[in-house]
Amino acid sequence: MTEMKWADKVRKSLHANADSLGNLAVEAFHYLALFGIGAITAYAAVLTFIDMLQKGGISVDDILLLFIYLELGAMVGIYFKTNHMPIRFLLYVAITALTRLLIGDVSHHNAPDLGIIYLCGGILLLAFAILVVRFASSRYPSVKEKSES
């Protein structure tokens, strides 16, 4: 019987060490990926800004692209601080991207067609999805687990 207790202690110790090492590897990758995504987003925004200045003119498309970069940066910051990714931010980015596409399509192709209706329908569906997500998160809040120190 004492041999089994010894084996059980070794198993629990091995499991705890493997758990700690696995958590360290996952968190290291998590922070490395966040810094990488944040740096790439900032770099892309700076390049876009420089390109806008070199063109000599700034369009609404360019401004909306900067807003997309801003929203992506905010997503990285929120995820970095809270370890949670609000789905709403992805929906905001999608709405901004579709709006940018819509404005670009209308300004470059003046003839309205069915594509405009599809884009507006997509924006409306995404806005409705945000409404549903907001309602669900206020009505059914997630339960936060107690963190182990």
N, C-alpha and C. Protein backbone atom coordinates (compact mmCIF):
# COMPACT_ATOMS: atom_id res chain seq x y z
N MET A 1 0.82 -1.19 0.00
CA MET A 1 0.00 0.00 0.00
C MET A 1 0.86 1.25 0.00
N THR A 2 1.98 1.26 0.73
CA THR A 2 2.86 2.44 0.75
C THR A 2 3.53 2.65 -0.59
N GLU A 3 3.76 1.54 -1.34
CA GLU A 3 4.34 1.70 -2.68
C GLU A 3 3.39 2.48 -3.59
N MET A 4 2.10 2.23 -3.45
CA MET A 4 1.12 2.93 -4.27
C MET A 4 1.05 4.40 -3.90
N LYS A 5 1.17 4.73 -2.62
CA LYS A 5 1.16 6.12 -2.22
C LYS A 5 2.38 6.85 -2.77
N TRP A 6 3.52 6.17 -2.78
CA TRP A 6 4.74 6.75 -3.33
C TRP A 6 4.56 7.02 -4.82
N ALA A 7 4.01 6.06 -5.53
CA ALA A 7 3.79 6.20 -6.97
C ALA A 7 2.78 7.31 -7.26
N ASP A 8 1.77 7.40 -6.40
CA ASP A 8 0.77 8.44 -6.58
C ASP A 8 1.38 9.82 -6.37
N LYS A 9 2.27 9.96 -5.37
CA LYS A 9 2.94 11.24 -5.12
C LYS A 9 3.82 11.63 -6.31
N VAL A 10 4.55 10.66 -6.86
CA VAL A 10 5.40 10.93 -8.01
C VAL A 10 4.56 11.33 -9.21
N ARG A 11 3.44 10.64 -9.41
CA ARG A 11 2.55 10.97 -10.53
C ARG A 11 1.99 12.39 -10.39
N LYS A 12 1.56 12.74 -9.19
CA LYS A 12 1.02 14.09 -8.96
C LYS A 12 2.09 15.15 -9.16
N SER A 13 3.31 14.87 -8.69
CA SER A 13 4.40 15.83 -8.87
C SER A 13 4.75 15.99 -10.34
N LEU A 14 4.80 14.88 -11.07
CA LEU A 14 5.08 14.92 -12.50
C LEU A 14 3.99 15.70 -13.24
N HIS A 15 2.75 15.44 -12.85
CA HIS A 15 1.63 16.14 -13.48
C HIS A 15 1.70 17.64 -13.20
N ALA A 16 2.00 18.03 -11.97
CA ALA A 16 2.09 19.45 -11.61
C ALA A 16 3.22 20.13 -12.37
N ASN A 17 4.38 19.47 -12.48
CA ASN A 17 5.51 20.05 -13.21
C ASN A 17 5.20 20.18 -14.70
N ALA A 18 4.58 19.17 -15.27
CA ALA A 18 4.22 19.22 -16.69
C ALA A 18 3.17 20.31 -16.93
N ASP A 19 2.25 20.43 -16.00
CA ASP A 19 1.22 21.47 -16.10
C ASP A 19 1.86 22.86 -16.07
N SER A 20 2.78 23.08 -15.16
CA SER A 20 3.45 24.38 -15.05
C SER A 20 4.26 24.68 -16.31
N LEU A 21 4.99 23.70 -16.81
CA LEU A 21 5.79 23.89 -18.02
C LEU A 21 4.88 24.15 -19.22
N GLY A 22 3.77 23.44 -19.32
CA GLY A 22 2.83 23.67 -20.41
C GLY A 22 2.22 25.06 -20.34
N ASN A 23 1.84 25.50 -19.14
CA ASN A 23 1.28 26.84 -18.97
C ASN A 23 2.30 27.91 -19.34
N LEU A 24 3.56 27.70 -18.95
CA LEU A 24 4.62 28.65 -19.30
C LEU A 24 4.78 28.75 -20.82
N ALA A 25 4.78 27.61 -21.51
CA ALA A 25 4.94 27.60 -22.96
C ALA A 25 3.77 28.29 -23.65
N VAL A 26 2.56 28.03 -23.18
CA VAL A 26 1.37 28.64 -23.79
C VAL A 26 1.38 30.15 -23.55
N GLU A 27 1.69 30.59 -22.33
CA GLU A 27 1.71 32.03 -22.05
C GLU A 27 2.83 32.74 -22.80
N ALA A 28 3.98 32.09 -22.94
CA ALA A 28 5.08 32.70 -23.70
C ALA A 28 4.67 32.89 -25.16
N PHE A 29 4.05 31.87 -25.75
CA PHE A 29 3.58 32.00 -27.12
C PHE A 29 2.51 33.08 -27.22
N HIS A 30 1.61 33.11 -26.24
CA HIS A 30 0.53 34.09 -26.21
C HIS A 30 1.09 35.51 -26.25
N TYR A 31 2.04 35.83 -25.39
CA TYR A 31 2.60 37.18 -25.35
C TYR A 31 3.45 37.48 -26.59
N LEU A 32 4.19 36.51 -27.06
CA LEU A 32 4.99 36.71 -28.27
C LEU A 32 4.08 37.01 -29.47
N ALA A 33 2.99 36.25 -29.58
CA ALA A 33 2.05 36.46 -30.69
C ALA A 33 1.37 37.83 -30.56
N LEU A 34 0.99 38.21 -29.34
CA LEU A 34 0.35 39.52 -29.15
C LEU A 34 1.28 40.66 -29.53
N PHE A 35 2.54 40.57 -29.08
CA PHE A 35 3.50 41.62 -29.44
C PHE A 35 3.73 41.65 -30.95
N GLY A 36 3.80 40.48 -31.57
CA GLY A 36 3.98 40.41 -33.02
C GLY A 36 2.81 41.02 -33.77
N ILE A 37 1.59 40.66 -33.38
CA ILE A 37 0.41 41.20 -34.04
C ILE A 37 0.33 42.71 -33.83
N GLY A 38 0.60 43.15 -32.61
CA GLY A 38 0.58 44.59 -32.33
C GLY A 38 1.61 45.35 -33.14
N ALA A 39 2.82 44.80 -33.23
CA ALA A 39 3.89 45.45 -33.98
C ALA A 39 3.56 45.51 -35.47
N ILE A 40 3.05 44.42 -36.00
CA ILE A 40 2.70 44.38 -37.43
C ILE A 40 1.56 45.36 -37.73
N THR A 41 0.59 45.43 -36.84
CA THR A 41 -0.53 46.37 -37.03
C THR A 41 -0.02 47.82 -37.01
N ALA A 42 0.83 48.13 -36.04
CA ALA A 42 1.38 49.50 -35.96
C ALA A 42 2.22 49.80 -37.20
N TYR A 43 3.03 48.85 -37.64
CA TYR A 43 3.87 49.03 -38.82
C TYR A 43 3.01 49.27 -40.06
N ALA A 44 1.96 48.48 -40.23
CA ALA A 44 1.07 48.64 -41.38
C ALA A 44 0.38 50.01 -41.34
N ALA A 45 -0.02 50.45 -40.16
CA ALA A 45 -0.67 51.76 -40.03
C ALA A 45 0.30 52.88 -40.39
N VAL A 46 1.54 52.77 -39.93
CA VAL A 46 2.54 53.80 -40.25
C VAL A 46 2.81 53.83 -41.76
N LEU A 47 2.96 52.65 -42.37
CA LEU A 47 3.18 52.60 -43.82
C LEU A 47 2.01 53.20 -44.59
N THR A 48 0.80 52.91 -44.15
CA THR A 48 -0.38 53.48 -44.80
C THR A 48 -0.40 54.99 -44.65
N PHE A 49 -0.07 55.48 -43.47
CA PHE A 49 -0.05 56.91 -43.21
C PHE A 49 1.00 57.59 -44.09
N ILE A 50 2.20 57.01 -44.19
CA ILE A 50 3.26 57.57 -45.03
C ILE A 50 2.83 57.56 -46.50
N ASP A 51 2.19 56.47 -46.93
CA ASP A 51 1.70 56.38 -48.31
C ASP A 51 0.66 57.45 -48.59
N MET A 52 -0.21 57.72 -47.62
CA MET A 52 -1.22 58.77 -47.78
C MET A 52 -0.56 60.13 -47.96
N LEU A 53 0.48 60.40 -47.16
CA LEU A 53 1.16 61.69 -47.26
C LEU A 53 1.91 61.82 -48.59
N GLN A 54 2.50 60.73 -49.08
CA GLN A 54 3.23 60.77 -50.34
C GLN A 54 2.30 60.95 -51.53
N LYS A 55 1.07 60.42 -51.42
CA LYS A 55 0.10 60.59 -52.51
C LYS A 55 -0.31 62.04 -52.67
N GLY A 56 -0.28 62.76 -51.59
CA GLY A 56 -0.69 64.15 -51.64
C GLY A 56 -2.18 64.35 -51.45
N GLY A 57 -2.92 63.29 -51.37
CA GLY A 57 -4.37 63.38 -51.15
C GLY A 57 -4.82 62.26 -50.24
N ILE A 58 -5.83 62.56 -49.46
CA ILE A 58 -6.35 61.57 -48.52
C ILE A 58 -7.82 61.34 -48.83
N SER A 59 -8.17 60.08 -48.99
CA SER A 59 -9.56 59.75 -49.29
C SER A 59 -10.23 59.16 -48.05
N VAL A 60 -11.54 59.05 -48.14
CA VAL A 60 -12.29 58.44 -47.04
C VAL A 60 -11.86 56.98 -46.88
N ASP A 61 -11.53 56.31 -47.99
CA ASP A 61 -11.03 54.93 -47.93
C ASP A 61 -9.80 54.85 -47.02
N ASP A 62 -8.89 55.81 -47.19
CA ASP A 62 -7.66 55.82 -46.39
C ASP A 62 -7.97 56.02 -44.91
N ILE A 63 -8.88 56.91 -44.62
CA ILE A 63 -9.24 57.18 -43.22
C ILE A 63 -9.89 55.95 -42.59
N LEU A 64 -10.76 55.29 -43.34
CA LEU A 64 -11.40 54.08 -42.81
C LEU A 64 -10.39 52.96 -42.61
N LEU A 65 -9.39 52.89 -43.49
CA LEU A 65 -8.33 51.89 -43.30
C LEU A 65 -7.56 52.17 -42.01
N LEU A 66 -7.31 53.44 -41.73
CA LEU A 66 -6.66 53.78 -40.46
C LEU A 66 -7.53 53.40 -39.27
N PHE A 67 -8.85 53.56 -39.40
CA PHE A 67 -9.75 53.14 -38.33
C PHE A 67 -9.69 51.62 -38.13
N ILE A 68 -9.56 50.88 -39.22
CA ILE A 68 -9.42 49.42 -39.09
C ILE A 68 -8.16 49.09 -38.30
N TYR A 69 -7.06 49.75 -38.63
CA TYR A 69 -5.82 49.53 -37.87
C TYR A 69 -5.99 49.91 -36.40
N LEU A 70 -6.70 51.01 -36.16
CA LEU A 70 -6.95 51.43 -34.78
C LEU A 70 -7.76 50.38 -34.02
N GLU A 71 -8.78 49.84 -34.65
CA GLU A 71 -9.60 48.82 -34.01
C GLU A 71 -8.81 47.55 -33.77
N LEU A 72 -7.96 47.18 -34.71
CA LEU A 72 -7.11 45.99 -34.51
C LEU A 72 -6.14 46.22 -33.35
N GLY A 73 -5.57 47.42 -33.27
CA GLY A 73 -4.69 47.73 -32.15
C GLY A 73 -5.42 47.70 -30.83
N ALA A 74 -6.66 48.21 -30.81
CA ALA A 74 -7.47 48.17 -29.59
C ALA A 74 -7.77 46.73 -29.19
N MET A 75 -8.04 45.88 -30.18
CA MET A 75 -8.30 44.47 -29.88
C MET A 75 -7.09 43.83 -29.23
N VAL A 76 -5.90 44.11 -29.76
CA VAL A 76 -4.68 43.55 -29.19
C VAL A 76 -4.51 44.05 -27.75
N GLY A 77 -4.73 45.35 -27.54
CA GLY A 77 -4.58 45.91 -26.20
C GLY A 77 -5.56 45.32 -25.21
N ILE A 78 -6.81 45.17 -25.61
CA ILE A 78 -7.81 44.59 -24.72
C ILE A 78 -7.49 43.13 -24.44
N TYR A 79 -7.08 42.41 -25.45
CA TYR A 79 -6.73 40.99 -25.25
C TYR A 79 -5.51 40.87 -24.35
N PHE A 80 -4.56 41.78 -24.51
CA PHE A 80 -3.36 41.76 -23.68
C PHE A 80 -3.70 42.01 -22.22
N LYS A 81 -4.62 42.94 -21.96
CA LYS A 81 -4.96 43.30 -20.59
C LYS A 81 -5.91 42.31 -19.92
N THR A 82 -6.83 41.74 -20.69
CA THR A 82 -7.88 40.93 -20.07
C THR A 82 -7.83 39.44 -20.41
N ASN A 83 -7.03 39.05 -21.38
CA ASN A 83 -6.99 37.66 -21.87
C ASN A 83 -8.33 37.22 -22.45
N HIS A 84 -9.16 38.17 -22.84
CA HIS A 84 -10.44 37.88 -23.47
C HIS A 84 -10.56 38.71 -24.74
N MET A 85 -11.12 38.09 -25.76
CA MET A 85 -11.31 38.79 -27.03
C MET A 85 -12.80 39.02 -27.22
N PRO A 86 -13.24 40.25 -26.99
CA PRO A 86 -14.66 40.52 -27.24
C PRO A 86 -14.97 40.37 -28.73
N ILE A 87 -15.93 39.54 -29.03
CA ILE A 87 -16.30 39.29 -30.42
C ILE A 87 -16.81 40.57 -31.08
N ARG A 88 -17.32 41.49 -30.26
CA ARG A 88 -17.83 42.75 -30.80
C ARG A 88 -16.76 43.49 -31.60
N PHE A 89 -15.51 43.45 -31.14
CA PHE A 89 -14.47 44.18 -31.86
C PHE A 89 -14.23 43.60 -33.24
N LEU A 90 -14.31 42.30 -33.37
CA LEU A 90 -14.18 41.69 -34.70
C LEU A 90 -15.34 42.13 -35.59
N LEU A 91 -16.51 42.23 -35.00
CA LEU A 91 -17.66 42.69 -35.77
C LEU A 91 -17.51 44.16 -36.17
N TYR A 92 -16.95 44.98 -35.28
CA TYR A 92 -16.70 46.38 -35.63
C TYR A 92 -15.71 46.49 -36.79
N VAL A 93 -14.66 45.68 -36.74
CA VAL A 93 -13.68 45.69 -37.84
C VAL A 93 -14.36 45.28 -39.14
N ALA A 94 -15.21 44.26 -39.07
CA ALA A 94 -15.90 43.80 -40.28
C ALA A 94 -16.83 44.88 -40.83
N ILE A 95 -17.53 45.58 -39.94
CA ILE A 95 -18.42 46.66 -40.40
C ILE A 95 -17.60 47.77 -41.05
N THR A 96 -16.49 48.13 -40.43
CA THR A 96 -15.65 49.19 -41.00
C THR A 96 -15.09 48.76 -42.36
N ALA A 97 -14.69 47.50 -42.47
CA ALA A 97 -14.16 47.00 -43.74
C ALA A 97 -15.23 47.02 -44.82
N LEU A 98 -16.45 46.59 -44.48
CA LEU A 98 -17.52 46.61 -45.48
C LEU A 98 -17.91 48.05 -45.83
N THR A 99 -17.89 48.94 -44.85
CA THR A 99 -18.18 50.35 -45.13
C THR A 99 -17.13 50.94 -46.05
N ARG A 100 -15.88 50.60 -45.81
CA ARG A 100 -14.80 51.07 -46.68
C ARG A 100 -14.99 50.55 -48.10
N LEU A 101 -15.35 49.28 -48.21
CA LEU A 101 -15.61 48.69 -49.52
C LEU A 101 -16.79 49.37 -50.19
N LEU A 102 -17.84 49.66 -49.43
CA LEU A 102 -19.03 50.32 -49.97
C LEU A 102 -18.70 51.72 -50.47
N ILE A 103 -17.98 52.48 -49.68
CA ILE A 103 -17.63 53.85 -50.08
C ILE A 103 -16.72 53.82 -51.30
N GLY A 104 -15.77 52.91 -51.31
CA GLY A 104 -14.89 52.79 -52.47
C GLY A 104 -15.65 52.40 -53.72
N ASP A 105 -16.62 51.48 -53.56
CA ASP A 105 -17.41 51.03 -54.70
C ASP A 105 -18.28 52.16 -55.23
N VAL A 106 -18.90 52.91 -54.35
CA VAL A 106 -19.78 54.01 -54.78
C VAL A 106 -18.97 55.14 -55.41
N SER A 107 -17.81 55.44 -54.84
CA SER A 107 -17.03 56.57 -55.37
C SER A 107 -16.33 56.23 -56.69
N HIS A 108 -16.00 54.97 -56.93
CA HIS A 108 -15.30 54.60 -58.16
C HIS A 108 -16.23 54.10 -59.25
N HIS A 109 -17.33 53.47 -58.86
CA HIS A 109 -18.32 52.97 -59.82
C HIS A 109 -19.65 53.64 -59.48
N ASN A 110 -19.92 54.70 -60.13
CA ASN A 110 -21.09 55.50 -59.78
C ASN A 110 -22.42 54.80 -60.03
N ALA A 111 -22.44 53.81 -60.90
CA ALA A 111 -23.69 53.13 -61.20
C ALA A 111 -24.04 52.16 -60.06
N PRO A 112 -25.16 52.39 -59.38
CA PRO A 112 -25.55 51.46 -58.31
C PRO A 112 -25.98 50.12 -58.90
N ASP A 113 -25.61 49.07 -58.23
CA ASP A 113 -25.99 47.74 -58.67
C ASP A 113 -26.36 46.89 -57.44
N LEU A 114 -26.57 45.62 -57.67
CA LEU A 114 -26.98 44.73 -56.59
C LEU A 114 -25.89 44.54 -55.54
N GLY A 115 -24.64 44.77 -55.91
CA GLY A 115 -23.53 44.64 -54.96
C GLY A 115 -23.67 45.60 -53.79
N ILE A 116 -24.20 46.78 -54.05
CA ILE A 116 -24.41 47.76 -52.98
C ILE A 116 -25.43 47.23 -51.98
N ILE A 117 -26.48 46.61 -52.49
CA ILE A 117 -27.50 46.04 -51.62
C ILE A 117 -26.89 44.92 -50.76
N TYR A 118 -26.04 44.09 -51.37
CA TYR A 118 -25.39 43.02 -50.61
C TYR A 118 -24.49 43.60 -49.52
N LEU A 119 -23.72 44.63 -49.85
CA LEU A 119 -22.85 45.24 -48.85
C LEU A 119 -23.66 45.86 -47.71
N CYS A 120 -24.72 46.57 -48.06
CA CYS A 120 -25.57 47.17 -47.02
C CYS A 120 -26.24 46.08 -46.18
N GLY A 121 -26.66 45.01 -46.81
CA GLY A 121 -27.24 43.88 -46.07
C GLY A 121 -26.23 43.25 -45.13
N GLY A 122 -24.99 43.14 -45.59
CA GLY A 122 -23.93 42.60 -44.72
C GLY A 122 -23.67 43.49 -43.52
N ILE A 123 -23.64 44.79 -43.75
CA ILE A 123 -23.44 45.74 -42.65
C ILE A 123 -24.61 45.64 -41.66
N LEU A 124 -25.82 45.55 -42.19
CA LEU A 124 -27.00 45.44 -41.33
C LEU A 124 -26.96 44.14 -40.51
N LEU A 125 -26.57 43.05 -41.13
CA LEU A 125 -26.47 41.77 -40.40
C LEU A 125 -25.41 41.85 -39.31
N LEU A 126 -24.27 42.46 -39.61
CA LEU A 126 -23.23 42.60 -38.59
C LEU A 126 -23.69 43.50 -37.45
N ALA A 127 -24.41 44.57 -37.78
CA ALA A 127 -24.93 45.45 -36.72
C ALA A 127 -25.94 44.69 -35.86
N PHE A 128 -26.76 43.88 -36.48
CA PHE A 128 -27.71 43.06 -35.73
C PHE A 128 -26.97 42.04 -34.86
N ALA A 129 -25.89 41.48 -35.39
CA ALA A 129 -25.08 40.53 -34.60
C ALA A 129 -24.49 41.21 -33.36
N ILE A 130 -24.06 42.47 -33.51
CA ILE A 130 -23.55 43.22 -32.34
C ILE A 130 -24.66 43.41 -31.32
N LEU A 131 -25.85 43.74 -31.80
CA LEU A 131 -26.99 43.90 -30.90
C LEU A 131 -27.27 42.60 -30.14
N VAL A 132 -27.26 41.49 -30.83
CA VAL A 132 -27.50 40.19 -30.19
C VAL A 132 -26.40 39.88 -29.17
N VAL A 133 -25.14 40.11 -29.55
CA VAL A 133 -24.03 39.83 -28.64
C VAL A 133 -24.11 40.71 -27.40
N ARG A 134 -24.40 42.00 -27.60
CA ARG A 134 -24.53 42.92 -26.45
C ARG A 134 -25.67 42.50 -25.54
N PHE A 135 -26.81 42.14 -26.13
CA PHE A 135 -27.95 41.70 -25.33
C PHE A 135 -27.61 40.43 -24.56
N ALA A 136 -27.01 39.47 -25.26
CA ALA A 136 -26.68 38.20 -24.62
C ALA A 136 -25.66 38.38 -23.50
N SER A 137 -24.67 39.25 -23.71
CA SER A 137 -23.65 39.42 -22.68
C SER A 137 -24.20 40.18 -21.47
N SER A 138 -25.18 41.06 -21.67
CA SER A 138 -25.76 41.75 -20.51
C SER A 138 -26.79 40.86 -19.81
N ARG A 139 -27.49 40.07 -20.58
CA ARG A 139 -28.52 39.19 -20.00
C ARG A 139 -27.91 37.94 -19.37
N TYR A 140 -26.87 37.40 -19.99
CA TYR A 140 -26.23 36.17 -19.52
C TYR A 140 -24.72 36.41 -19.37
N PRO A 141 -24.31 37.14 -18.35
CA PRO A 141 -22.87 37.44 -18.21
C PRO A 141 -22.07 36.17 -17.94
N SER A 142 -20.83 36.19 -18.42
CA SER A 142 -19.98 35.03 -18.19
C SER A 142 -19.52 35.03 -16.73
N VAL A 143 -19.33 33.84 -16.21
CA VAL A 143 -18.90 33.69 -14.82
C VAL A 143 -17.39 33.66 -14.80
N LYS A 144 -16.79 34.58 -14.04
CA LYS A 144 -15.33 34.61 -13.94
C LYS A 144 -14.88 33.61 -12.91
N GLU A 145 -13.88 32.80 -13.30
CA GLU A 145 -13.32 31.83 -12.36
C GLU A 145 -12.32 32.52 -11.46
N LYS A 146 -12.20 32.03 -10.25
CA LYS A 146 -11.20 32.58 -9.33
C LYS A 146 -9.83 32.19 -9.82
N SER A 147 -8.94 33.18 -9.92
CA SER A 147 -7.59 32.89 -10.41
C SER A 147 -6.75 32.33 -9.27
N GLU A 148 -5.92 31.37 -9.64
CA GLU A 148 -5.03 30.76 -8.65
C GLU A 148 -3.74 31.54 -8.60
N SER A 149 -3.29 31.88 -7.40
CA SER A 149 -2.05 32.63 -7.26
C SER A 149 -0.93 31.75 -6.82
